[in-house]
Structures are given as structure tokens and as C-alpha cells.
């Protein structure tokens, strides 16, 4: 294709884009429909302006943003005290904790003993552990939101359990 032919086709395409053809027809409900693609029974609309241009619009306001403030939760084990020695021959240990700000609907809490969950997630911060072996143990309380995502975790809390042996 020659250079002059290419320039001619390019100028025709540019002219077609600057003066697009618009067609209109009535749909089955009797409403007017406008398109740049002709349909059976459509008629070309004559435009008064040589080119229709619209200024660009900032559409950032259409993006949905989560305006819910993110709450920063903290979790703390309050009992037993850190490095407390507990004497219980049955191996029972009662763990309690607090969550700040106040425990709200949708949150759940799970206690981990020596890195393993002691049971399912629950909606209060009181835990009863049974049959714990004597020795050193660590507990961590984790707080989860409605989606199951971790939102807070207590510091590792260590305690020592003393139980009488059969020989004593």
C-alpha cells in the first residue's frame, strides 16, 4: 500500500471518529434507543455539532470505600498471673482474660495451650482447662473478627502446675 493511500485511509478513519453516526429506534416497549450501530428500522440522527465531546469526569467518588473505622483490639490474660505456680492435683487450670475495647458482637476468642487450641472459638474470655500435666505451660488468647481473621493476640503467659505424685 502506498504512503498516500495509507494517509488517505487514516484521514477517513479520523473523520469518521470525529463525526460518528448515531441511530435511533423504538424498542418493543416504545422507548427510544440510541446507538452507533444501526438496527433494522433505525434512522440516522443528524447532529447539529460537528463533534460531540464531553469533558472527562473524575470517577473516584464512585469507588466504594469502607469508611468503617478500624478498631484496634488488645487481648490480655488476667489469670493465672504470669509465671504463677498453681497447685491442683486434678490438673484443672482456670484462665481468664480481657479484651479492650469492650468485647463486641461478632468477636470470638480461642485459647491456645502450649501452641495448641484448647477447644473451639467462643464468645467469652473464661476458659476451664482439665487434666493438665504438671510442669511449665504457656497460654495465648487469640481474638477473631466475624470473618475469622485474627484481630488481637495476648502476650504468651507462662504458668507452672504442681501436682502430687503417687509416691507422695
Protein backbone atom coordinates (compact mmCIF):
# COMPACT_ATOMS: atom_id res chain seq x y z
CA UNK A 1 0.00 0.00 0.00
CA UNK A 2 1.39 3.40 -0.92
CA UNK A 3 2.06 6.13 1.61
CA UNK A 4 -0.58 8.40 0.04
CA UNK A 5 -3.18 5.60 0.22
CA UNK A 6 -2.34 4.99 3.90
CA UNK A 7 -2.66 8.70 4.69
CA UNK A 8 -5.99 8.86 2.87
CA UNK A 9 -7.40 5.90 4.82
CA UNK A 10 -6.09 7.32 8.10
CA UNK A 11 -7.76 10.68 7.44
CA UNK A 12 -11.05 8.93 6.56
CA UNK A 13 -10.91 6.94 9.84
CA UNK A 14 -10.16 10.10 11.81
CA UNK A 15 -13.04 11.93 10.17
CA UNK A 16 -15.38 9.03 10.89
CA UNK A 17 -14.36 9.04 14.57
CA UNK A 18 -14.81 12.82 14.91
CA UNK A 19 -18.29 12.65 13.29
CA UNK A 20 -19.77 9.37 14.44
CA UNK A 21 -23.14 8.33 13.10
CA UNK A 22 -25.91 7.91 15.65
CA UNK A 23 -29.05 5.86 15.01
CA UNK A 24 -32.34 5.73 16.89
CA UNK A 25 -35.31 3.38 17.01
CA UNK A 26 -38.10 2.41 19.37
CA UNK A 27 -37.77 -0.78 21.35
CA UNK A 28 -40.64 -3.21 21.98
CA UNK A 29 -41.77 -1.09 24.97
CA UNK A 30 -41.93 2.09 22.89
CA UNK A 31 -38.78 3.67 24.37
CA UNK A 32 -36.28 5.47 22.18
CA UNK A 33 -32.93 3.70 21.87
CA UNK A 34 -29.79 5.42 20.58
CA UNK A 35 -26.71 3.62 19.30
CA UNK A 36 -23.80 3.94 16.92
CA UNK A 37 -24.78 0.54 15.48
CA UNK A 38 -27.76 0.64 13.10
CA UNK A 39 -30.65 -1.77 13.74
CA UNK A 40 -33.48 -2.80 11.39
CA UNK A 41 -35.91 0.13 11.20
CA UNK A 42 -33.47 2.63 12.74
CA UNK A 43 -32.93 6.13 11.36
CA UNK A 44 -29.78 8.19 11.43
CA UNK A 45 -29.87 11.14 13.80
CA UNK A 46 -28.45 14.36 12.35
CA UNK A 47 -26.21 16.09 14.87
CA UNK A 48 -26.00 19.88 14.94
CA UNK A 49 -22.44 19.99 16.27
CA UNK A 50 -19.61 18.67 14.16
CA UNK A 51 -18.22 16.68 17.07
CA UNK A 52 -19.61 15.80 20.44
CA UNK A 53 -17.04 15.86 23.15
CA UNK A 54 -17.57 15.71 26.84
CA UNK A 55 -15.05 16.67 29.46
CA UNK A 56 -13.59 13.81 31.43
CA UNK A 57 -15.14 13.28 34.82
CA UNK A 58 -13.33 12.22 37.97
CA UNK A 59 -14.99 8.92 38.88
CA UNK A 60 -13.10 8.32 42.14
CA UNK A 61 -16.22 9.25 44.08
CA UNK A 62 -17.94 6.22 42.58
CA UNK A 63 -15.43 3.83 44.14
CA UNK A 64 -16.87 2.37 47.29
CA UNK A 65 -14.62 2.85 50.24
CA UNK A 66 -15.02 1.19 53.58
CA UNK A 67 -15.49 4.14 55.91
CA UNK A 68 -15.91 1.93 58.96
CA UNK A 69 -13.14 2.85 61.38
CA UNK A 70 -10.75 0.02 62.10
CA UNK A 71 -10.82 -0.87 65.77
CA UNK A 72 -7.53 -1.90 67.31
CA UNK A 73 -8.23 -4.63 69.85
CA UNK A 74 -5.89 -5.78 72.59
CA UNK A 75 -6.11 -9.06 74.47
CA UNK A 76 -4.66 -9.79 77.89
CA UNK A 77 -4.66 -12.85 80.12
CA UNK A 78 -5.51 -11.78 83.67
CA UNK A 79 -5.47 -15.14 85.44
CA UNK A 80 -3.38 -17.01 86.22
CA UNK A 81 -0.69 -14.39 86.71
CA UNK A 82 2.39 -14.65 84.53
CA UNK A 83 4.78 -17.29 85.95
CA UNK A 84 2.32 -18.19 88.70
CA UNK A 85 2.60 -21.60 90.33
CA UNK A 86 -0.71 -23.43 90.59
CA UNK A 87 -1.19 -26.41 92.90
CA UNK A 88 -4.04 -28.64 91.76
CA UNK A 89 -3.94 -32.43 91.89
CA UNK A 90 -6.77 -32.78 89.36
CA UNK A 91 -4.85 -30.78 86.77
CA UNK A 92 -7.51 -28.06 86.48
CA UNK A 93 -6.49 -24.58 85.48
CA UNK A 94 -8.89 -21.65 85.03
CA UNK A 95 -7.80 -18.98 82.58
CA UNK A 96 -9.49 -15.60 82.24
CA UNK A 97 -8.73 -12.64 80.05
CA UNK A 98 -9.87 -9.24 78.92
CA UNK A 99 -10.33 -7.60 75.54
CA UNK A 100 -10.07 -3.85 75.00
CA UNK A 101 -12.06 -2.03 73.79
CA UNK A 102 -15.04 -3.89 75.15
CA UNK A 103 -15.87 -7.31 73.73
CA UNK A 104 -18.37 -6.68 70.89
CA UNK A 105 -20.78 -8.84 68.94
CA UNK A 106 -19.13 -10.82 66.19
CA UNK A 107 -15.85 -11.36 68.00
CA UNK A 108 -14.72 -14.78 69.13
CA UNK A 109 -11.89 -15.93 71.35
CA UNK A 110 -9.77 -19.05 71.37
CA UNK A 111 -7.22 -20.18 73.94
CA UNK A 112 -4.02 -21.97 72.98
CA UNK A 113 -2.13 -24.12 75.48
CA UNK A 114 1.47 -24.84 74.52
CA UNK A 115 0.67 -23.78 70.93
CA UNK A 116 -2.43 -26.00 70.53
CA UNK A 117 -6.04 -24.81 70.62
CA UNK A 118 -7.79 -25.97 73.80
CA UNK A 119 -11.21 -26.00 72.12
CA UNK A 120 -13.35 -24.19 69.58
CA UNK A 121 -13.71 -20.42 69.37
CA UNK A 122 -16.11 -18.98 71.93
CA UNK A 123 -17.73 -15.69 72.83
CA UNK A 124 -16.31 -15.15 76.32
CA UNK A 125 -12.85 -14.91 77.86
CA UNK A 126 -13.15 -17.58 80.56
CA UNK A 127 -11.62 -21.00 79.99
CA UNK A 128 -11.52 -24.14 82.14
CA UNK A 129 -8.66 -26.48 81.34
CA UNK A 130 -8.84 -30.03 82.70
CA UNK A 131 -6.32 -32.83 83.04
CA UNK A 132 -3.28 -30.63 82.53
CA UNK A 133 0.01 -32.40 83.24
CA UNK A 134 2.32 -30.97 85.84
CA UNK A 135 5.13 -28.75 84.70
CA UNK A 136 5.61 -25.50 82.81
CA UNK A 137 2.91 -24.40 80.36
CA UNK A 138 2.19 -21.37 78.19
CA UNK A 139 -1.16 -19.94 77.14
CA UNK A 140 -2.08 -17.40 74.48
CA UNK A 141 -5.53 -15.92 73.89
CA UNK A 142 -6.42 -15.01 70.30
CA UNK A 143 -9.32 -12.77 69.21
CA UNK A 144 -11.01 -13.20 65.83
CA UNK A 145 -13.47 -10.98 63.93
CA UNK A 146 -16.68 -12.11 62.16
CA UNK A 147 -14.68 -13.18 59.11
CA UNK A 148 -12.40 -15.39 61.22
CA UNK A 149 -9.42 -13.08 60.85
CA UNK A 150 -7.07 -12.64 63.80
CA UNK A 151 -7.52 -9.11 65.23
CA UNK A 152 -5.66 -9.39 68.56
CA UNK A 153 -3.46 -11.76 70.50
CA UNK A 154 -2.31 -11.71 74.10
CA UNK A 155 1.30 -12.00 75.12
CA UNK A 156 2.49 -15.52 75.91
CA UNK A 157 1.54 -16.20 79.52
CA UNK A 158 3.54 -18.83 81.42
CA UNK A 159 2.37 -20.81 84.46
CA UNK A 160 3.61 -23.80 86.43
CA UNK A 161 1.33 -26.61 87.54
CA UNK A 162 2.27 -28.67 90.60
CA UNK A 163 0.51 -31.97 91.19
CA UNK A 164 1.28 -34.54 93.82
CA UNK A 165 2.85 -37.73 92.55
CA UNK A 166 1.66 -41.18 93.56
CA UNK A 167 4.86 -41.57 95.65
CA UNK A 168 3.95 -38.58 97.88
